[in-house]
């Protein structure tokens, strides 16, 4: 592998980490907003933010859309609770 190939692999790895970091940030931000949401509308918006980032993450792993939707619906509350625990709630 030449120097150019190494740089390309490194650049791709960094891009992937930034992208996944962005999805994780959206999930965390959604959980923080959900924690402080008072109105039902605010709660729904926060849950939608978390769900969309979670579904995008799962889809990026190669899961079909219908399977990803079912997976996320089944595990959304578990994800939210785990993030809440990680945030110290």
PDB file of N, CA and C in Angstrom:
ATOM      1  N   UNK A   1       0.845  -1.169   0.000  1.00  0.00           N
ATOM      2  CA  UNK A   1       0.000   0.000   0.000  1.00  0.00           C
ATOM      3  C   UNK A   1       0.892   1.235   0.000  1.00  0.00           C
ATOM      4  N   UNK A   2       0.637   2.135  -0.898  1.00  0.00           N
ATOM      5  CA  UNK A   2       1.478   3.324  -0.954  1.00  0.00           C
ATOM      6  C   UNK A   2       0.933   4.422  -0.041  1.00  0.00           C
ATOM      7  N   UNK A   3       1.674   5.493   0.054  1.00  0.00           N
ATOM      8  CA  UNK A   3       1.318   6.597   0.941  1.00  0.00           C
ATOM      9  C   UNK A   3      -0.042   7.191   0.598  1.00  0.00           C
ATOM     10  N   UNK A   4      -0.339   7.287  -0.684  1.00  0.00           N
ATOM     11  CA  UNK A   4      -1.629   7.822  -1.124  1.00  0.00           C
ATOM     12  C   UNK A   4      -2.781   6.936  -0.654  1.00  0.00           C
ATOM     13  N   UNK A   5      -2.597   5.624  -0.732  1.00  0.00           N
ATOM     14  CA  UNK A   5      -3.624   4.682  -0.280  1.00  0.00           C
ATOM     15  C   UNK A   5      -3.832   4.780   1.227  1.00  0.00           C
ATOM     16  N   UNK A   6      -2.730   4.901   1.973  1.00  0.00           N
ATOM     17  CA  UNK A   6      -2.839   5.044   3.422  1.00  0.00           C
ATOM     18  C   UNK A   6      -3.614   6.307   3.780  1.00  0.00           C
ATOM     19  N   UNK A   7      -3.323   7.396   3.081  1.00  0.00           N
ATOM     20  CA  UNK A   7      -4.009   8.654   3.350  1.00  0.00           C
ATOM     21  C   UNK A   7      -5.493   8.530   3.035  1.00  0.00           C
ATOM     22  N   UNK A   8      -5.824   7.836   1.948  1.00  0.00           N
ATOM     23  CA  UNK A   8      -7.217   7.642   1.564  1.00  0.00           C
ATOM     24  C   UNK A   8      -7.968   6.841   2.627  1.00  0.00           C
ATOM     25  N   UNK A   9      -7.354   5.784   3.131  1.00  0.00           N
ATOM     26  CA  UNK A   9      -7.975   4.971   4.176  1.00  0.00           C
ATOM     27  C   UNK A   9      -8.153   5.805   5.443  1.00  0.00           C
ATOM     28  N   UNK A  10      -7.143   6.554   5.816  1.00  0.00           N
ATOM     29  CA  UNK A  10      -7.218   7.401   7.006  1.00  0.00           C
ATOM     30  C   UNK A  10      -8.309   8.458   6.854  1.00  0.00           C
ATOM     31  N   UNK A  11      -8.384   9.075   5.690  1.00  0.00           N
ATOM     32  CA  UNK A  11      -9.414  10.085   5.438  1.00  0.00           C
ATOM     33  C   UNK A  11     -10.811   9.481   5.531  1.00  0.00           C
ATOM     34  N   UNK A  12     -10.989   8.280   4.978  1.00  0.00           N
ATOM     35  CA  UNK A  12     -12.291   7.618   5.027  1.00  0.00           C
ATOM     36  C   UNK A  12     -12.665   7.256   6.457  1.00  0.00           C
ATOM     37  N   UNK A  13     -11.701   6.764   7.218  1.00  0.00           N
ATOM     38  CA  UNK A  13     -11.953   6.422   8.613  1.00  0.00           C
ATOM     39  C   UNK A  13     -12.393   7.654   9.396  1.00  0.00           C
ATOM     40  N   UNK A  14     -11.697   8.757   9.227  1.00  0.00           N
ATOM     41  CA  UNK A  14     -12.061   9.992   9.924  1.00  0.00           C
ATOM     42  C   UNK A  14     -13.441  10.480   9.503  1.00  0.00           C
ATOM     43  N   UNK A  15     -13.750  10.381   8.225  1.00  0.00           N
ATOM     44  CA  UNK A  15     -15.073  10.781   7.737  1.00  0.00           C
ATOM     45  C   UNK A  15     -16.155   9.903   8.360  1.00  0.00           C
ATOM     46  N   UNK A  16     -15.906   8.603   8.434  1.00  0.00           N
ATOM     47  CA  UNK A  16     -16.872   7.687   9.044  1.00  0.00           C
ATOM     48  C   UNK A  16     -17.078   8.009  10.520  1.00  0.00           C
ATOM     49  N   UNK A  17     -15.995   8.280  11.232  1.00  0.00           N
ATOM     50  CA  UNK A  17     -16.100   8.610  12.652  1.00  0.00           C
ATOM     51  C   UNK A  17     -16.867   9.911  12.869  1.00  0.00           C
ATOM     52  N   UNK A  18     -16.620  10.904  12.025  1.00  0.00           N
ATOM     53  CA  UNK A  18     -17.362  12.167  12.130  1.00  0.00           C
ATOM     54  C   UNK A  18     -18.846  11.937  11.887  1.00  0.00           C
ATOM     55  N   UNK A  19     -19.168  11.145  10.866  1.00  0.00           N
ATOM     56  CA  UNK A  19     -20.564  10.881  10.531  1.00  0.00           C
ATOM     57  C   UNK A  19     -21.259  10.136  11.669  1.00  0.00           C
ATOM     58  N   UNK A  20     -20.637   9.080  12.166  1.00  0.00           N
ATOM     59  CA  UNK A  20     -21.241   8.341  13.270  1.00  0.00           C
ATOM     60  C   UNK A  20     -21.312   9.203  14.519  1.00  0.00           C
ATOM     61  N   UNK A  21     -20.304  10.016  14.744  1.00  0.00           N
ATOM     62  CA  UNK A  21     -20.327  10.934  15.873  1.00  0.00           C
ATOM     63  C   UNK A  21     -21.487  11.898  15.779  1.00  0.00           C
ATOM     64  N   UNK A  22     -21.795  12.339  14.570  1.00  0.00           N
ATOM     65  CA  UNK A  22     -22.930  13.241  14.356  1.00  0.00           C
ATOM     66  C   UNK A  22     -24.236  12.538  14.729  1.00  0.00           C
ATOM     67  N   UNK A  23     -24.397  11.276  14.322  1.00  0.00           N
ATOM     68  CA  UNK A  23     -25.613  10.531  14.667  1.00  0.00           C
ATOM     69  C   UNK A  23     -25.713  10.322  16.176  1.00  0.00           C
ATOM     70  N   UNK A  24     -24.606   9.986  16.810  1.00  0.00           N
ATOM     71  CA  UNK A  24     -24.599   9.814  18.263  1.00  0.00           C
ATOM     72  C   UNK A  24     -24.941  11.136  18.943  1.00  0.00           C
ATOM     73  N   UNK A  25     -24.388  12.236  18.455  1.00  0.00           N
ATOM     74  CA  UNK A  25     -24.706  13.555  19.010  1.00  0.00           C
ATOM     75  C   UNK A  25     -26.195  13.860  18.891  1.00  0.00           C
ATOM     76  N   UNK A  26     -26.806  13.506  17.762  1.00  0.00           N
ATOM     77  CA  UNK A  26     -28.244  13.731  17.584  1.00  0.00           C
ATOM     78  C   UNK A  26     -29.060  12.898  18.570  1.00  0.00           C
ATOM     79  N   UNK A  27     -28.649  11.656  18.787  1.00  0.00           N
ATOM     80  CA  UNK A  27     -29.353  10.803  19.752  1.00  0.00           C
ATOM     81  C   UNK A  27     -29.238  11.394  21.153  1.00  0.00           C
ATOM     82  N   UNK A  28     -28.045  11.809  21.541  1.00  0.00           N
ATOM     83  CA  UNK A  28     -27.843  12.399  22.869  1.00  0.00           C
ATOM     84  C   UNK A  28     -28.625  13.698  23.007  1.00  0.00           C
ATOM     85  N   UNK A  29     -28.554  14.556  21.999  1.00  0.00           N
ATOM     86  CA  UNK A  29     -29.288  15.823  22.047  1.00  0.00           C
ATOM     87  C   UNK A  29     -30.790  15.572  22.150  1.00  0.00           C
ATOM     88  N   UNK A  30     -31.286  14.592  21.378  1.00  0.00           N
ATOM     89  CA  UNK A  30     -32.704  14.252  21.448  1.00  0.00           C
ATOM     90  C   UNK A  30     -33.096  13.768  22.837  1.00  0.00           C
ATOM     91  N   UNK A  31     -32.242  12.974  23.465  1.00  0.00           N
ATOM     92  CA  UNK A  31     -32.525  12.490  24.818  1.00  0.00           C
ATOM     93  C   UNK A  31     -32.518  13.633  25.833  1.00  0.00           C
ATOM     94  N   UNK A  32     -31.604  14.556  25.683  1.00  0.00           N
ATOM     95  CA  UNK A  32     -31.575  15.719  26.581  1.00  0.00           C
ATOM     96  C   UNK A  32     -32.838  16.548  26.398  1.00  0.00           C
ATOM     97  N   UNK A  33     -33.236  16.767  25.152  1.00  0.00           N
ATOM     98  CA  UNK A  33     -34.466  17.519  24.899  1.00  0.00           C
ATOM     99  C   UNK A  33     -35.679  16.775  25.443  1.00  0.00           C
ATOM    100  N   UNK A  34     -35.694  15.448  25.306  1.00  0.00           N
ATOM    101  CA  UNK A  34     -36.802  14.645  25.823  1.00  0.00           C
ATOM    102  C   UNK A  34     -36.875  14.755  27.341  1.00  0.00           C
ATOM    103  N   UNK A  35     -35.726  14.739  27.987  1.00  0.00           N
ATOM    104  CA  UNK A  35     -35.690  14.842  29.448  1.00  0.00           C
ATOM    105  C   UNK A  35     -36.349  16.135  29.928  1.00  0.00           C
ATOM    106  N   UNK A  36     -36.157  17.219  29.184  1.00  0.00           N
ATOM    107  CA  UNK A  36     -36.672  18.521  29.599  1.00  0.00           C
ATOM    108  C   UNK A  36     -37.986  18.899  28.927  1.00  0.00           C
ATOM    109  N   UNK A  37     -38.474  18.065  28.036  1.00  0.00           N
ATOM    110  CA  UNK A  37     -39.721  18.368  27.321  1.00  0.00           C
ATOM    111  C   UNK A  37     -40.893  18.333  28.296  1.00  0.00           C
ATOM    112  N   UNK A  38     -41.745  19.316  28.167  1.00  0.00           N
ATOM    113  CA  UNK A  38     -42.930  19.391  29.018  1.00  0.00           C
ATOM    114  C   UNK A  38     -44.168  19.024  28.206  1.00  0.00           C
ATOM    115  N   UNK A  39     -44.367  19.713  27.118  1.00  0.00           N
ATOM    116  CA  UNK A  39     -45.544  19.479  26.280  1.00  0.00           C
ATOM    117  C   UNK A  39     -45.391  18.184  25.490  1.00  0.00           C
ATOM    118  N   UNK A  40     -46.520  17.571  25.203  1.00  0.00           N
ATOM    119  CA  UNK A  40     -46.525  16.332  24.419  1.00  0.00           C
ATOM    120  C   UNK A  40     -45.845  16.543  23.066  1.00  0.00           C
ATOM    121  N   UNK A  41     -46.099  17.684  22.430  1.00  0.00           N
ATOM    122  CA  UNK A  41     -45.474  17.985  21.134  1.00  0.00           C
ATOM    123  C   UNK A  41     -43.953  18.006  21.248  1.00  0.00           C
ATOM    124  N   UNK A  42     -43.442  18.606  22.314  1.00  0.00           N
ATOM    125  CA  UNK A  42     -41.994  18.649  22.519  1.00  0.00           C
ATOM    126  C   UNK A  42     -41.425  17.239  22.691  1.00  0.00           C
ATOM    127  N   UNK A  43     -42.137  16.399  23.416  1.00  0.00           N
ATOM    128  CA  UNK A  43     -41.699  15.019  23.616  1.00  0.00           C
ATOM    129  C   UNK A  43     -41.679  14.259  22.297  1.00  0.00           C
ATOM    130  N   UNK A  44     -42.706  14.447  21.486  1.00  0.00           N
ATOM    131  CA  UNK A  44     -42.785  13.760  20.194  1.00  0.00           C
ATOM    132  C   UNK A  44     -41.663  14.196  19.253  1.00  0.00           C
ATOM    133  N   UNK A  45     -41.345  15.481  19.245  1.00  0.00           N
ATOM    134  CA  UNK A  45     -40.257  15.988  18.400  1.00  0.00           C
ATOM    135  C   UNK A  45     -38.923  15.387  18.844  1.00  0.00           C
ATOM    136  N   UNK A  46     -38.688  15.346  20.151  1.00  0.00           N
ATOM    137  CA  UNK A  46     -37.440  14.774  20.674  1.00  0.00           C
ATOM    138  C   UNK A  46     -37.350  13.285  20.337  1.00  0.00           C
ATOM    139  N   UNK A  47     -38.449  12.557  20.507  1.00  0.00           N
ATOM    140  CA  UNK A  47     -38.455  11.126  20.172  1.00  0.00           C
ATOM    141  C   UNK A  47     -38.212  10.910  18.678  1.00  0.00           C
ATOM    142  N   UNK A  48     -38.778  11.776  17.856  1.00  0.00           N
ATOM    143  CA  UNK A  48     -38.571  11.664  16.405  1.00  0.00           C
ATOM    144  C   UNK A  48     -37.105  11.897  16.052  1.00  0.00           C
ATOM    145  N   UNK A  49     -36.466  12.850  16.719  1.00  0.00           N
ATOM    146  CA  UNK A  49     -35.048  13.122  16.477  1.00  0.00           C
ATOM    147  C   UNK A  49     -34.210  11.890  16.824  1.00  0.00           C
ATOM    148  N   UNK A  50     -34.504  11.291  17.967  1.00  0.00           N
ATOM    149  CA  UNK A  50     -33.772  10.101  18.399  1.00  0.00           C
ATOM    150  C   UNK A  50     -34.022   8.953  17.428  1.00  0.00           C
ATOM    151  N   UNK A  51     -35.285   8.735  17.104  1.00  0.00           N
ATOM    152  CA  UNK A  51     -35.658   7.635  16.208  1.00  0.00           C
ATOM    153  C   UNK A  51     -34.978   7.774  14.849  1.00  0.00           C
ATOM    154  N   UNK A  52     -35.018   8.970  14.273  1.00  0.00           N
ATOM    155  CA  UNK A  52     -34.435   9.174  12.942  1.00  0.00           C
ATOM    156  C   UNK A  52     -32.930   8.921  12.932  1.00  0.00           C
ATOM    157  N   UNK A  53     -32.232   9.388  13.946  1.00  0.00           N
ATOM    158  CA  UNK A  53     -30.786   9.145  14.014  1.00  0.00           C
ATOM    159  C   UNK A  53     -30.505   7.659  14.233  1.00  0.00           C
ATOM    160  N   UNK A  54     -31.297   7.014  15.085  1.00  0.00           N
ATOM    161  CA  UNK A  54     -31.150   5.582  15.360  1.00  0.00           C
ATOM    162  C   UNK A  54     -31.401   4.776  14.088  1.00  0.00           C
ATOM    163  N   UNK A  55     -32.476   5.107  13.381  1.00  0.00           N
ATOM    164  CA  UNK A  55     -32.797   4.394  12.147  1.00  0.00           C
ATOM    165  C   UNK A  55     -31.710   4.595  11.091  1.00  0.00           C
ATOM    166  N   UNK A  56     -31.207   5.807  10.965  1.00  0.00           N
ATOM    167  CA  UNK A  56     -30.132   6.074  10.011  1.00  0.00           C
ATOM    168  C   UNK A  56     -28.906   5.237  10.347  1.00  0.00           C
ATOM    169  N   UNK A  57     -28.568   5.173  11.623  1.00  0.00           N
ATOM    170  CA  UNK A  57     -27.421   4.375  12.062  1.00  0.00           C
ATOM    171  C   UNK A  57     -27.616   2.904  11.700  1.00  0.00           C
ATOM    172  N   UNK A  58     -28.795   2.375  11.976  1.00  0.00           N
ATOM    173  CA  UNK A  58     -29.091   0.967  11.683  1.00  0.00           C
ATOM    174  C   UNK A  58     -29.070   0.716  10.182  1.00  0.00           C
ATOM    175  N   UNK A  59     -29.637   1.624   9.410  1.00  0.00           N
ATOM    176  CA  UNK A  59     -29.661   1.476   7.951  1.00  0.00           C
ATOM    177  C   UNK A  59     -28.246   1.501   7.381  1.00  0.00           C
ATOM    178  N   UNK A  60     -27.386   2.325   7.950  1.00  0.00           N
ATOM    179  CA  UNK A  60     -25.994   2.388   7.499  1.00  0.00           C
ATOM    180  C   UNK A  60     -25.271   1.068   7.737  1.00  0.00           C
ATOM    181  N   UNK A  61     -25.789   0.270   8.652  1.00  0.00           N
ATOM    182  CA  UNK A  61     -25.208  -1.041   8.932  1.00  0.00           C
ATOM    183  C   UNK A  61     -25.735  -2.101   7.967  1.00  0.00           C
ATOM    184  N   UNK A  62     -26.596  -1.695   7.025  1.00  0.00           N
ATOM    185  CA  UNK A  62     -27.054  -2.604   5.985  1.00  0.00           C
ATOM    186  C   UNK A  62     -28.423  -3.217   6.190  1.00  0.00           C
ATOM    187  N   UNK A  63     -29.138  -2.797   7.213  1.00  0.00           N
ATOM    188  CA  UNK A  63     -30.452  -3.364   7.462  1.00  0.00           C
ATOM    189  C   UNK A  63     -31.469  -2.752   6.495  1.00  0.00           C
ATOM    190  N   UNK A  64     -32.360  -3.574   5.982  1.00  0.00           N
ATOM    191  CA  UNK A  64     -33.415  -3.101   5.078  1.00  0.00           C
ATOM    192  C   UNK A  64     -34.336  -2.139   5.826  1.00  0.00           C
ATOM    193  N   UNK A  65     -34.957  -1.223   5.094  1.00  0.00           N
ATOM    194  CA  UNK A  65     -35.789  -0.186   5.704  1.00  0.00           C
ATOM    195  C   UNK A  65     -36.873  -0.776   6.603  1.00  0.00           C
ATOM    196  N   UNK A  66     -37.638  -1.738   6.105  1.00  0.00           N
ATOM    197  CA  UNK A  66     -38.731  -2.292   6.921  1.00  0.00           C
ATOM    198  C   UNK A  66     -38.189  -2.980   8.175  1.00  0.00           C
ATOM    199  N   UNK A  67     -37.079  -3.679   8.047  1.00  0.00           N
ATOM    200  CA  UNK A  67     -36.457  -4.317   9.214  1.00  0.00           C
ATOM    201  C   UNK A  67     -35.919  -3.268  10.180  1.00  0.00           C
ATOM    202  N   UNK A  68     -35.329  -2.210   9.644  1.00  0.00           N
ATOM    203  CA  UNK A  68     -34.788  -1.136  10.481  1.00  0.00           C
ATOM    204  C   UNK A  68     -35.906  -0.451  11.257  1.00  0.00           C
ATOM    205  N   UNK A  69     -37.033  -0.210  10.596  1.00  0.00           N
ATOM    206  CA  UNK A  69     -38.167   0.419  11.275  1.00  0.00           C
ATOM    207  C   UNK A  69     -38.648  -0.442  12.433  1.00  0.00           C
ATOM    208  N   UNK A  70     -38.813  -1.735  12.191  1.00  0.00           N
ATOM    209  CA  UNK A  70     -39.261  -2.648  13.251  1.00  0.00           C
ATOM    210  C   UNK A  70     -38.238  -2.717  14.380  1.00  0.00           C
ATOM    211  N   UNK A  71     -36.971  -2.805  14.018  1.00  0.00           N
ATOM    212  CA  UNK A  71     -35.902  -2.873  15.010  1.00  0.00           C
ATOM    213  C   UNK A  71     -35.907  -1.623  15.889  1.00  0.00           C
ATOM    214  N   UNK A  72     -35.989  -0.461  15.262  1.00  0.00           N
ATOM    215  CA  UNK A  72     -35.943   0.796  16.013  1.00  0.00           C
ATOM    216  C   UNK A  72     -37.179   0.968  16.886  1.00  0.00           C
ATOM    217  N   UNK A  73     -38.345   0.604  16.370  1.00  0.00           N
ATOM    218  CA  UNK A  73     -39.561   0.698  17.179  1.00  0.00           C
ATOM    219  C   UNK A  73     -39.472  -0.217  18.396  1.00  0.00           C
ATOM    220  N   UNK A  74     -38.903  -1.390  18.207  1.00  0.00           N
ATOM    221  CA  UNK A  74     -38.788  -2.368  19.290  1.00  0.00           C
ATOM    222  C   UNK A  74     -37.750  -1.933  20.337  1.00  0.00           C
ATOM    223  N   UNK A  75     -36.693  -1.248  19.921  1.00  0.00           N
ATOM    224  CA  UNK A  75     -35.578  -0.946  20.828  1.00  0.00           C
ATOM    225  C   UNK A  75     -35.429   0.537  21.183  1.00  0.00           C
ATOM    226  N   UNK A  76     -36.324   1.390  20.714  1.00  0.00           N
ATOM    227  CA  UNK A  76     -36.185   2.832  20.953  1.00  0.00           C
ATOM    228  C   UNK A  76     -36.184   3.163  22.443  1.00  0.00           C
ATOM    229  N   UNK A  77     -37.144   2.647  23.185  1.00  0.00           N
ATOM    230  CA  UNK A  77     -37.222   2.966  24.616  1.00  0.00           C
ATOM    231  C   UNK A  77     -35.987   2.475  25.362  1.00  0.00           C
ATOM    232  N   UNK A  78     -35.506   1.305  24.987  1.00  0.00           N
ATOM    233  CA  UNK A  78     -34.289   0.772  25.611  1.00  0.00           C
ATOM    234  C   UNK A  78     -33.101   1.696  25.339  1.00  0.00           C
ATOM    235  N   UNK A  79     -32.976   2.165  24.107  1.00  0.00           N
ATOM    236  CA  UNK A  79     -31.900   3.095  23.756  1.00  0.00           C
ATOM    237  C   UNK A  79     -32.012   4.372  24.582  1.00  0.00           C
ATOM    238  N   UNK A  80     -33.217   4.924  24.655  1.00  0.00           N
ATOM    239  CA  UNK A  80     -33.430   6.164  25.411  1.00  0.00           C
ATOM    240  C   UNK A  80     -33.040   5.960  26.875  1.00  0.00           C
ATOM    241  N   UNK A  81     -33.470   4.862  27.477  1.00  0.00           N
ATOM    242  CA  UNK A  81     -33.148   4.606  28.885  1.00  0.00           C
ATOM    243  C   UNK A  81     -31.643   4.440  29.101  1.00  0.00           C
ATOM    244  N   UNK A  82     -30.971   3.783  28.175  1.00  0.00           N
ATOM    245  CA  UNK A  82     -29.517   3.614  28.294  1.00  0.00           C
ATOM    246  C   UNK A  82     -28.795   4.951  28.179  1.00  0.00           C
ATOM    247  N   UNK A  83     -29.259   5.809  27.283  1.00  0.00           N
ATOM    248  CA  UNK A  83     -28.641   7.133  27.153  1.00  0.00           C
ATOM    249  C   UNK A  83     -28.917   7.950  28.407  1.00  0.00           C
ATOM    250  N   UNK A  84     -30.151   7.893  28.932  1.00  0.00           N
ATOM    251  CA  UNK A  84     -30.464   8.594  30.181  1.00  0.00           C
ATOM    252  C   UNK A  84     -29.521   8.147  31.300  1.00  0.00           C
ATOM    253  N   UNK A  85     -29.309   6.836  31.420  1.00  0.00           N
ATOM    254  CA  UNK A  85     -28.402   6.332  32.463  1.00  0.00           C
ATOM    255  C   UNK A  85     -26.980   6.842  32.243  1.00  0.00           C
ATOM    256  N   UNK A  86     -26.550   6.850  30.994  1.00  0.00           N
ATOM    257  CA  UNK A  86     -25.199   7.335  30.682  1.00  0.00           C
ATOM    258  C   UNK A  86     -25.060   8.819  30.998  1.00  0.00           C
ATOM    259  N   UNK A  87     -26.158   9.554  30.849  1.00  0.00           N
ATOM    260  CA  UNK A  87     -26.139  10.988  31.136  1.00  0.00           C
ATOM    261  C   UNK A  87     -26.301  11.276  32.626  1.00  0.00           C
ATOM    262  N   UNK A  88     -26.548  10.235  33.408  1.00  0.00           N
ATOM    263  CA  UNK A  88     -26.626  10.409  34.850  1.00  0.00           C
ATOM    264  C   UNK A  88     -28.006  10.692  35.379  1.00  0.00           C
ATOM    265  N   UNK A  89     -29.028  10.296  34.645  1.00  0.00           N
ATOM    266  CA  UNK A  89     -30.380  10.524  35.163  1.00  0.00           C
ATOM    267  C   UNK A  89     -30.800   9.370  36.015  1.00  0.00           C
TER     268      UNK A  89
END
